Amino acid sequence: MPKSIHRPEHAQLVSLLRELRLRAGLTQAALARKLKRPQTFVSTVERGLVRQDFLQLRDWCARCGTSVSALSDEFEVRLKEAKKASRRAGAQLSS
């Protein structure tokens, strides 16, 4: 099994984390201040270069005004949508 940062699901998670920040009206610098981390940390996460553990995800969510459970729910919906889109694309290629 490949490391999680090399899996397609990781790209979905990274995209969602960035969207959470933007929905909260936060710049990378503002979120970094709330997390007590440098701005480069937020950038590195959003570029998908590092993986976050559960507690880091929880902190990110809290600072963006949401919960890990809401993140998880939205993440699962996106994965299902991506899988459906992939199947549709495969069906179009074979026809």
PDB file of N, CA and C in Angstrom:
ATOM      1  N   MET A   1       0.852  -1.174   0.000  1.00  0.00           N
ATOM      2  CA  MET A   1       0.000   0.000   0.000  1.00  0.00           C
ATOM      3  C   MET A   1       0.904   1.245   0.000  1.00  0.00           C
ATOM      4  N   PRO A   2       0.653   2.201  -0.909  1.00  0.00           N
ATOM      5  CA  PRO A   2       1.489   3.409  -0.955  1.00  0.00           C
ATOM      6  C   PRO A   2       1.246   4.298   0.262  1.00  0.00           C
ATOM      7  N   LYS A   3       2.237   5.131   0.569  1.00  0.00           N
ATOM      8  CA  LYS A   3       2.062   6.088   1.660  1.00  0.00           C
ATOM      9  C   LYS A   3       0.855   6.962   1.371  1.00  0.00           C
ATOM     10  N   SER A   4       0.182   7.401   2.421  1.00  0.00           N
ATOM     11  CA  SER A   4      -1.084   8.113   2.236  1.00  0.00           C
ATOM     12  C   SER A   4      -0.944   9.388   1.416  1.00  0.00           C
ATOM     13  N   ILE A   5       0.193  10.075   1.474  1.00  0.00           N
ATOM     14  CA  ILE A   5       0.295  11.317   0.693  1.00  0.00           C
ATOM     15  C   ILE A   5       0.386  11.047  -0.800  1.00  0.00           C
ATOM     16  N   HIS A   6       0.574   9.801  -1.194  1.00  0.00           N
ATOM     17  CA  HIS A   6       0.641   9.455  -2.604  1.00  0.00           C
ATOM     18  C   HIS A   6      -0.658   8.834  -3.121  1.00  0.00           C
ATOM     19  N   ARG A   7      -1.653   8.774  -2.272  1.00  0.00           N
ATOM     20  CA  ARG A   7      -2.942   8.206  -2.674  1.00  0.00           C
ATOM     21  C   ARG A   7      -3.864   9.314  -3.171  1.00  0.00           C
ATOM     22  N   PRO A   8      -4.758   9.015  -4.099  1.00  0.00           N
ATOM     23  CA  PRO A   8      -5.656  10.047  -4.621  1.00  0.00           C
ATOM     24  C   PRO A   8      -6.553  10.658  -3.545  1.00  0.00           C
ATOM     25  N   GLU A   9      -6.859   9.890  -2.524  1.00  0.00           N
ATOM     26  CA  GLU A   9      -7.698  10.402  -1.444  1.00  0.00           C
ATOM     27  C   GLU A   9      -7.020  11.567  -0.721  1.00  0.00           C
ATOM     28  N   HIS A  10      -5.708  11.540  -0.675  1.00  0.00           N
ATOM     29  CA  HIS A  10      -4.987  12.617   0.000  1.00  0.00           C
ATOM     30  C   HIS A  10      -5.207  13.940  -0.726  1.00  0.00           C
ATOM     31  N   ALA A  11      -5.212  13.901  -2.041  1.00  0.00           N
ATOM     32  CA  ALA A  11      -5.461  15.121  -2.815  1.00  0.00           C
ATOM     33  C   ALA A  11      -6.857  15.671  -2.510  1.00  0.00           C
ATOM     34  N   GLN A  12      -7.824  14.784  -2.348  1.00  0.00           N
ATOM     35  CA  GLN A  12      -9.181  15.214  -1.985  1.00  0.00           C
ATOM     36  C   GLN A  12      -9.189  15.884  -0.606  1.00  0.00           C
ATOM     37  N   LEU A  13      -8.478  15.296   0.346  1.00  0.00           N
ATOM     38  CA  LEU A  13      -8.424  15.847   1.687  1.00  0.00           C
ATOM     39  C   LEU A  13      -7.748  17.214   1.689  1.00  0.00           C
ATOM     40  N   VAL A  14      -6.644  17.330   0.993  1.00  0.00           N
ATOM     41  CA  VAL A  14      -5.918  18.594   0.924  1.00  0.00           C
ATOM     42  C   VAL A  14      -6.807  19.691   0.331  1.00  0.00           C
ATOM     43  N   SER A  15      -7.510  19.356  -0.732  1.00  0.00           N
ATOM     44  CA  SER A  15      -8.419  20.308  -1.361  1.00  0.00           C
ATOM     45  C   SER A  15      -9.507  20.745  -0.380  1.00  0.00           C
ATOM     46  N   LEU A  16     -10.035  19.810   0.360  1.00  0.00           N
ATOM     47  CA  LEU A  16     -11.075  20.115   1.337  1.00  0.00           C
ATOM     48  C   LEU A  16     -10.537  20.996   2.459  1.00  0.00           C
ATOM     49  N   LEU A  17      -9.341  20.723   2.940  1.00  0.00           N
ATOM     50  CA  LEU A  17      -8.762  21.552   4.006  1.00  0.00           C
ATOM     51  C   LEU A  17      -8.594  22.999   3.540  1.00  0.00           C
ATOM     52  N   ARG A  18      -8.146  23.173   2.301  1.00  0.00           N
ATOM     53  CA  ARG A  18      -7.995  24.518   1.756  1.00  0.00           C
ATOM     54  C   ARG A  18      -9.357  25.202   1.675  1.00  0.00           C
ATOM     55  N   GLU A  19     -10.369  24.472   1.200  1.00  0.00           N
ATOM     56  CA  GLU A  19     -11.706  25.048   1.108  1.00  0.00           C
ATOM     57  C   GLU A  19     -12.258  25.427   2.478  1.00  0.00           C
ATOM     58  N   LEU A  20     -11.997  24.616   3.486  1.00  0.00           N
ATOM     59  CA  LEU A  20     -12.443  24.957   4.842  1.00  0.00           C
ATOM     60  C   LEU A  20     -11.843  26.286   5.280  1.00  0.00           C
ATOM     61  N   ARG A  21     -10.547  26.462   5.011  1.00  0.00           N
ATOM     62  CA  ARG A  21      -9.879  27.702   5.374  1.00  0.00           C
ATOM     63  C   ARG A  21     -10.499  28.886   4.646  1.00  0.00           C
ATOM     64  N   LEU A  22     -10.728  28.722   3.359  1.00  0.00           N
ATOM     65  CA  LEU A  22     -11.294  29.806   2.568  1.00  0.00           C
ATOM     66  C   LEU A  22     -12.722  30.130   3.000  1.00  0.00           C
ATOM     67  N   ARG A  23     -13.527  29.107   3.279  1.00  0.00           N
ATOM     68  CA  ARG A  23     -14.904  29.326   3.758  1.00  0.00           C
ATOM     69  C   ARG A  23     -14.916  30.098   5.074  1.00  0.00           C
ATOM     70  N   ALA A  24     -13.887  29.859   5.874  1.00  0.00           N
ATOM     71  CA  ALA A  24     -13.784  30.552   7.161  1.00  0.00           C
ATOM     72  C   ALA A  24     -13.286  31.984   6.985  1.00  0.00           C
ATOM     73  N   GLY A  25     -12.930  32.344   5.751  1.00  0.00           N
ATOM     74  CA  GLY A  25     -12.452  33.698   5.490  1.00  0.00           C
ATOM     75  C   GLY A  25     -11.046  33.950   5.990  1.00  0.00           C
ATOM     76  N   LEU A  26     -10.257  32.896   6.073  1.00  0.00           N
ATOM     77  CA  LEU A  26      -8.904  33.013   6.607  1.00  0.00           C
ATOM     78  C   LEU A  26      -7.858  32.917   5.504  1.00  0.00           C
ATOM     79  N   THR A  27      -6.837  33.737   5.614  1.00  0.00           N
ATOM     80  CA  THR A  27      -5.666  33.582   4.764  1.00  0.00           C
ATOM     81  C   THR A  27      -4.809  32.487   5.375  1.00  0.00           C
ATOM     82  N   GLN A  28      -3.818  32.042   4.620  1.00  0.00           N
ATOM     83  CA  GLN A  28      -2.890  31.070   5.196  1.00  0.00           C
ATOM     84  C   GLN A  28      -2.208  31.646   6.431  1.00  0.00           C
ATOM     85  N   ALA A  29      -1.826  32.904   6.360  1.00  0.00           N
ATOM     86  CA  ALA A  29      -1.141  33.536   7.496  1.00  0.00           C
ATOM     87  C   ALA A  29      -2.050  33.615   8.719  1.00  0.00           C
ATOM     88  N   ALA A  30      -3.320  33.948   8.503  1.00  0.00           N
ATOM     89  CA  ALA A  30      -4.253  34.057   9.631  1.00  0.00           C
ATOM     90  C   ALA A  30      -4.485  32.692  10.283  1.00  0.00           C
ATOM     91  N   LEU A  31      -4.661  31.666   9.468  1.00  0.00           N
ATOM     92  CA  LEU A  31      -4.840  30.325  10.037  1.00  0.00           C
ATOM     93  C   LEU A  31      -3.578  29.895  10.765  1.00  0.00           C
ATOM     94  N   ALA A  32      -2.441  30.182  10.195  1.00  0.00           N
ATOM     95  CA  ALA A  32      -1.171  29.823  10.844  1.00  0.00           C
ATOM     96  C   ALA A  32      -1.064  30.468  12.225  1.00  0.00           C
ATOM     97  N   ARG A  33      -1.451  31.727  12.314  1.00  0.00           N
ATOM     98  CA  ARG A  33      -1.414  32.397  13.628  1.00  0.00           C
ATOM     99  C   ARG A  33      -2.322  31.687  14.626  1.00  0.00           C
ATOM    100  N   LYS A  34      -3.519  31.315  14.176  1.00  0.00           N
ATOM    101  CA  LYS A  34      -4.457  30.612  15.061  1.00  0.00           C
ATOM    102  C   LYS A  34      -3.902  29.250  15.495  1.00  0.00           C
ATOM    103  N   LEU A  35      -3.155  28.610  14.603  1.00  0.00           N
ATOM    104  CA  LEU A  35      -2.562  27.310  14.914  1.00  0.00           C
ATOM    105  C   LEU A  35      -1.230  27.421  15.651  1.00  0.00           C
ATOM    106  N   LYS A  36      -0.745  28.675  15.769  1.00  0.00           N
ATOM    107  CA  LYS A  36       0.577  28.933  16.377  1.00  0.00           C
ATOM    108  C   LYS A  36       1.679  28.196  15.616  1.00  0.00           C
ATOM    109  N   ARG A  37       1.580  28.291  14.309  1.00  0.00           N
ATOM    110  CA  ARG A  37       2.545  27.681  13.400  1.00  0.00           C
ATOM    111  C   ARG A  37       2.952  28.720  12.365  1.00  0.00           C
ATOM    112  N   PRO A  38       4.042  28.504  11.659  1.00  0.00           N
ATOM    113  CA  PRO A  38       4.400  29.438  10.582  1.00  0.00           C
ATOM    114  C   PRO A  38       3.456  29.277   9.382  1.00  0.00           C
ATOM    115  N   GLN A  39       3.362  30.319   8.593  1.00  0.00           N
ATOM    116  CA  GLN A  39       2.517  30.282   7.398  1.00  0.00           C
ATOM    117  C   GLN A  39       2.958  29.160   6.466  1.00  0.00           C
ATOM    118  N   THR A  40       4.229  28.874   6.441  1.00  0.00           N
ATOM    119  CA  THR A  40       4.736  27.823   5.560  1.00  0.00           C
ATOM    120  C   THR A  40       4.156  26.452   5.918  1.00  0.00           C
ATOM    121  N   PHE A  41       3.788  26.253   7.180  1.00  0.00           N
ATOM    122  CA  PHE A  41       3.151  24.998   7.584  1.00  0.00           C
ATOM    123  C   PHE A  41       1.820  24.825   6.849  1.00  0.00           C
ATOM    124  N   VAL A  42       1.009  25.879   6.861  1.00  0.00           N
ATOM    125  CA  VAL A  42      -0.294  25.821   6.189  1.00  0.00           C
ATOM    126  C   VAL A  42      -0.091  25.588   4.691  1.00  0.00           C
ATOM    127  N   SER A  43       0.847  26.293   4.108  1.00  0.00           N
ATOM    128  CA  SER A  43       1.146  26.126   2.688  1.00  0.00           C
ATOM    129  C   SER A  43       1.582  24.695   2.375  1.00  0.00           C
ATOM    130  N   THR A  44       2.440  24.146   3.198  1.00  0.00           N
ATOM    131  CA  THR A  44       2.940  22.790   2.985  1.00  0.00           C
ATOM    132  C   THR A  44       1.813  21.768   3.059  1.00  0.00           C
ATOM    133  N   VAL A  45       0.914  21.944   4.019  1.00  0.00           N
ATOM    134  CA  VAL A  45      -0.238  21.052   4.143  1.00  0.00           C
ATOM    135  C   VAL A  45      -1.123  21.174   2.909  1.00  0.00           C
ATOM    136  N   GLU A  46      -1.420  22.410   2.508  1.00  0.00           N
ATOM    137  CA  GLU A  46      -2.331  22.632   1.390  1.00  0.00           C
ATOM    138  C   GLU A  46      -1.741  22.214   0.045  1.00  0.00           C
ATOM    139  N   ARG A  47      -0.455  22.096  -0.039  1.00  0.00           N
ATOM    140  CA  ARG A  47       0.178  21.598  -1.267  1.00  0.00           C
ATOM    141  C   ARG A  47       0.296  20.076  -1.243  1.00  0.00           C
ATOM    142  N   GLY A  48      -0.106  19.464  -0.139  1.00  0.00           N
ATOM    143  CA  GLY A  48      -0.122  18.010  -0.061  1.00  0.00           C
ATOM    144  C   GLY A  48       1.234  17.389   0.188  1.00  0.00           C
ATOM    145  N   LEU A  49       2.167  18.164   0.708  1.00  0.00           N
ATOM    146  CA  LEU A  49       3.522  17.661   0.906  1.00  0.00           C
ATOM    147  C   LEU A  49       3.710  16.911   2.210  1.00  0.00           C
ATOM    148  N   VAL A  50       2.797  17.123   3.142  1.00  0.00           N
ATOM    149  CA  VAL A  50       2.863  16.438   4.437  1.00  0.00           C
ATOM    150  C   VAL A  50       1.484  15.902   4.793  1.00  0.00           C
ATOM    151  N   ARG A  51       1.489  14.987   5.697  1.00  0.00           N
ATOM    152  CA  ARG A  51       0.261  14.374   6.180  1.00  0.00           C
ATOM    153  C   ARG A  51       0.025  14.903   7.583  1.00  0.00           C
ATOM    154  N   GLN A  52      -1.225  15.130   7.927  1.00  0.00           N
ATOM    155  CA  GLN A  52      -1.558  15.589   9.265  1.00  0.00           C
ATOM    156  C   GLN A  52      -2.113  14.430  10.088  1.00  0.00           C
ATOM    157  N   ASP A  53      -1.802  14.445  11.375  1.00  0.00           N
ATOM    158  CA  ASP A  53      -2.396  13.424  12.231  1.00  0.00           C
ATOM    159  C   ASP A  53      -3.777  13.905  12.687  1.00  0.00           C
ATOM    160  N   PHE A  54      -4.457  13.073  13.402  1.00  0.00           N
ATOM    161  CA  PHE A  54      -5.836  13.361  13.804  1.00  0.00           C
ATOM    162  C   PHE A  54      -5.939  14.649  14.619  1.00  0.00           C
ATOM    163  N   LEU A  55      -5.035  14.831  15.557  1.00  0.00           N
ATOM    164  CA  LEU A  55      -5.102  16.020  16.399  1.00  0.00           C
ATOM    165  C   LEU A  55      -4.835  17.293  15.610  1.00  0.00           C
ATOM    166  N   GLN A  56      -3.941  17.222  14.638  1.00  0.00           N
ATOM    167  CA  GLN A  56      -3.698  18.382  13.784  1.00  0.00           C
ATOM    168  C   GLN A  56      -4.932  18.691  12.929  1.00  0.00           C
ATOM    169  N   LEU A  57      -5.586  17.664  12.412  1.00  0.00           N
ATOM    170  CA  LEU A  57      -6.822  17.875  11.654  1.00  0.00           C
ATOM    171  C   LEU A  57      -7.897  18.497  12.538  1.00  0.00           C
ATOM    172  N   ARG A  58      -7.968  18.024  13.759  1.00  0.00           N
ATOM    173  CA  ARG A  58      -8.951  18.561  14.706  1.00  0.00           C
ATOM    174  C   ARG A  58      -8.696  20.035  14.970  1.00  0.00           C
ATOM    175  N   ASP A  59      -7.443  20.404  15.172  1.00  0.00           N
ATOM    176  CA  ASP A  59      -7.089  21.815  15.386  1.00  0.00           C
ATOM    177  C   ASP A  59      -7.427  22.655  14.162  1.00  0.00           C
ATOM    178  N   TRP A  60      -7.089  22.152  12.970  1.00  0.00           N
ATOM    179  CA  TRP A  60      -7.369  22.874  11.719  1.00  0.00           C
ATOM    180  C   TRP A  60      -8.871  23.142  11.609  1.00  0.00           C
ATOM    181  N   CYS A  61      -9.656  22.086  11.828  1.00  0.00           N
ATOM    182  CA  CYS A  61     -11.111  22.219  11.743  1.00  0.00           C
ATOM    183  C   CYS A  61     -11.636  23.243  12.752  1.00  0.00           C
ATOM    184  N   ALA A  62     -11.198  23.120  13.982  1.00  0.00           N
ATOM    185  CA  ALA A  62     -11.675  24.023  15.033  1.00  0.00           C
ATOM    186  C   ALA A  62     -11.363  25.473  14.697  1.00  0.00           C
ATOM    187  N   ARG A  63     -10.168  25.735  14.187  1.00  0.00           N
ATOM    188  CA  ARG A  63      -9.779  27.113  13.857  1.00  0.00           C
ATOM    189  C   ARG A  63     -10.539  27.638  12.647  1.00  0.00           C
ATOM    190  N   CYS A  64     -11.087  26.717  11.856  1.00  0.00           N
ATOM    191  CA  CYS A  64     -11.892  27.093  10.688  1.00  0.00           C
ATOM    192  C   CYS A  64     -13.391  27.057  10.995  1.00  0.00           C
ATOM    193  N   GLY A  65     -13.733  26.808  12.245  1.00  0.00           N
ATOM    194  CA  GLY A  65     -15.128  26.867  12.664  1.00  0.00           C
ATOM    195  C   GLY A  65     -15.962  25.647  12.317  1.00  0.00           C
ATOM    196  N   THR A  66     -15.311  24.495  12.233  1.00  0.00           N
ATOM    197  CA  THR A  66     -16.048  23.266  11.946  1.00  0.00           C
ATOM    198  C   THR A  66     -15.523  22.146  12.829  1.00  0.00           C
ATOM    199  N   SER A  67     -15.992  20.946  12.596  1.00  0.00           N
ATOM    200  CA  SER A  67     -15.580  19.810  13.416  1.00  0.00           C
ATOM    201  C   SER A  67     -14.956  18.729  12.542  1.00  0.00           C
ATOM    202  N   VAL A  68     -14.250  17.832  13.180  1.00  0.00           N
ATOM    203  CA  VAL A  68     -13.668  16.702  12.462  1.00  0.00           C
ATOM    204  C   VAL A  68     -14.775  15.837  11.873  1.00  0.00           C
ATOM    205  N   SER A  69     -15.877  15.696  12.586  1.00  0.00           N
ATOM    206  CA  SER A  69     -16.968  14.862  12.060  1.00  0.00           C
ATOM    207  C   SER A  69     -17.566  15.495  10.801  1.00  0.00           C
ATOM    208  N   ALA A  70     -17.693  16.817  10.771  1.00  0.00           N
ATOM    209  CA  ALA A  70     -18.193  17.484   9.562  1.00  0.00           C
ATOM    210  C   ALA A  70     -17.190  17.326   8.421  1.00  0.00           C
ATOM    211  N   LEU A  71     -15.900  17.434   8.739  1.00  0.00           N
ATOM    212  CA  LEU A  71     -14.853  17.219   7.737  1.00  0.00           C
ATOM    213  C   LEU A  71     -14.955  15.802   7.178  1.00  0.00           C
ATOM    214  N   SER A  72     -15.092  14.836   8.050  1.00  0.00           N
ATOM    215  CA  SER A  72     -15.178  13.444   7.642  1.00  0.00           C
ATOM    216  C   SER A  72     -16.388  13.199   6.748  1.00  0.00           C
ATOM    217  N   ASP A  73     -17.524  13.747   7.125  1.00  0.00           N
ATOM    218  CA  ASP A  73     -18.739  13.569   6.323  1.00  0.00           C
ATOM    219  C   ASP A  73     -18.554  14.145   4.923  1.00  0.00           C
ATOM    220  N   GLU A  74     -18.026  15.358   4.845  1.00  0.00           N
ATOM    221  CA  GLU A  74     -17.827  15.985   3.543  1.00  0.00           C
ATOM    222  C   GLU A  74     -16.776  15.237   2.722  1.00  0.00           C
ATOM    223  N   PHE A  75     -15.746  14.759   3.387  1.00  0.00           N
ATOM    224  CA  PHE A  75     -14.696  13.993   2.717  1.00  0.00           C
ATOM    225  C   PHE A  75     -15.274  12.726   2.090  1.00  0.00           C
ATOM    226  N   GLU A  76     -16.100  12.003   2.822  1.00  0.00           N
ATOM    227  CA  GLU A  76     -16.700  10.771   2.308  1.00  0.00           C
ATOM    228  C   GLU A  76     -17.613  11.049   1.116  1.00  0.00           C
ATOM    229  N   VAL A  77     -18.364  12.129   1.174  1.00  0.00           N
ATOM    230  CA  VAL A  77     -19.226  12.506   0.049  1.00  0.00           C
ATOM    231  C   VAL A  77     -18.376  12.776  -1.184  1.00  0.00           C
ATOM    232  N   ARG A  78     -17.288  13.502  -1.019  1.00  0.00           N
ATOM    233  CA  ARG A  78     -16.404  13.810  -2.146  1.00  0.00           C
ATOM    234  C   ARG A  78     -15.774  12.555  -2.739  1.00  0.00           C
ATOM    235  N   LEU A  79     -15.377  11.638  -1.877  1.00  0.00           N
ATOM    236  CA  LEU A  79     -14.797  10.397  -2.383  1.00  0.00           C
ATOM    237  C   LEU A  79     -15.813   9.613  -3.210  1.00  0.00           C
ATOM    238  N   LYS A  80     -17.057   9.559  -2.750  1.00  0.00           N
ATOM    239  CA  LYS A  80     -18.099   8.860  -3.500  1.00  0.00           C
ATOM    240  C   LYS A  80     -18.345   9.543  -4.838  1.00  0.00           C
ATOM    241  N   GLU A  81     -18.378  10.877  -4.836  1.00  0.00           N
ATOM    242  CA  GLU A  81     -18.587  11.612  -6.087  1.00  0.00           C
ATOM    243  C   GLU A  81     -17.425  11.383  -7.056  1.00  0.00           C
ATOM    244  N   ALA A  82     -16.211  11.370  -6.543  1.00  0.00           N
ATOM    245  CA  ALA A  82     -15.039  11.136  -7.395  1.00  0.00           C
ATOM    246  C   ALA A  82     -15.075   9.735  -7.987  1.00  0.00           C
ATOM    247  N   LYS A  83     -15.513   8.763  -7.202  1.00  0.00           N
ATOM    248  CA  LYS A  83     -15.595   7.388  -7.689  1.00  0.00           C
ATOM    249  C   LYS A  83     -16.640   7.274  -8.800  1.00  0.00           C
ATOM    250  N   LYS A  84     -17.792   7.934  -8.607  1.00  0.00           N
ATOM    251  CA  LYS A  84     -18.830   7.920  -9.635  1.00  0.00           C
ATOM    252  C   LYS A  84     -18.326   8.582 -10.918  1.00  0.00           C
ATOM    253  N   ALA A  85     -17.643   9.715 -10.772  1.00  0.00           N
ATOM    254  CA  ALA A  85     -17.118  10.426 -11.941  1.00  0.00           C
ATOM    255  C   ALA A  85     -16.093   9.574 -12.669  1.00  0.00           C
ATOM    256  N   SER A  86     -15.287   8.855 -11.930  1.00  0.00           N
ATOM    257  CA  SER A  86     -14.281   7.982 -12.531  1.00  0.00           C
ATOM    258  C   SER A  86     -14.947   6.853 -13.316  1.00  0.00           C
ATOM    259  N   ARG A  87     -15.993   6.285 -12.737  1.00  0.00           N
ATOM    260  CA  ARG A  87     -16.722   5.209 -13.429  1.00  0.00           C
ATOM    261  C   ARG A  87     -17.377   5.730 -14.709  1.00  0.00           C
ATOM    262  N   ARG A  88     -17.966   6.934 -14.637  1.00  0.00           N
ATOM    263  CA  ARG A  88     -18.597   7.521 -15.826  1.00  0.00           C
ATOM    264  C   ARG A  88     -17.558   7.773 -16.908  1.00  0.00           C
ATOM    265  N   ALA A  89     -16.399   8.289 -16.520  1.00  0.00           N
ATOM    266  CA  ALA A  89     -15.329   8.557 -17.490  1.00  0.00           C
ATOM    267  C   ALA A  89     -14.849   7.256 -18.127  1.00  0.00           C
ATOM    268  N   GLY A  90     -14.728   6.211 -17.320  1.00  0.00           N
ATOM    269  CA  GLY A  90     -14.317   4.908 -17.845  1.00  0.00           C
ATOM    270  C   GLY A  90     -15.336   4.337 -18.808  1.00  0.00           C
ATOM    271  N   ALA A  91     -16.610   4.531 -18.500  1.00  0.00           N
ATOM    272  CA  ALA A  91     -17.675   4.044 -19.369  1.00  0.00           C
ATOM    273  C   ALA A  91     -17.665   4.798 -20.691  1.00  0.00           C
ATOM    274  N   GLN A  92     -17.397   6.080 -20.661  1.00  0.00           N
ATOM    275  CA  GLN A  92     -17.346   6.877 -21.895  1.00  0.00           C
ATOM    276  C   GLN A  92     -16.167   6.460 -22.766  1.00  0.00           C
ATOM    277  N   LEU A  93     -15.055   6.119 -22.133  1.00  0.00           N
ATOM    278  CA  LEU A  93     -13.891   5.706 -22.896  1.00  0.00           C
ATOM    279  C   LEU A  93     -14.114   4.361 -23.598  1.00  0.00           C
ATOM    280  N   SER A  94     -14.866   3.496 -22.947  1.00  0.00           N
ATOM    281  CA  SER A  94     -15.077   2.161 -23.513  1.00  0.00           C
ATOM    282  C   SER A  94     -16.183   2.125 -24.558  1.00  0.00           C
ATOM    283  N   SER A  95     -16.942   3.215 -24.671  1.00  0.00           N
ATOM    284  CA  SER A  95     -18.033   3.210 -25.662  1.00  0.00           C
ATOM    285  C   SER A  95     -17.634   3.814 -26.974  1.00  0.00           C
TER     286      SER A  95
END
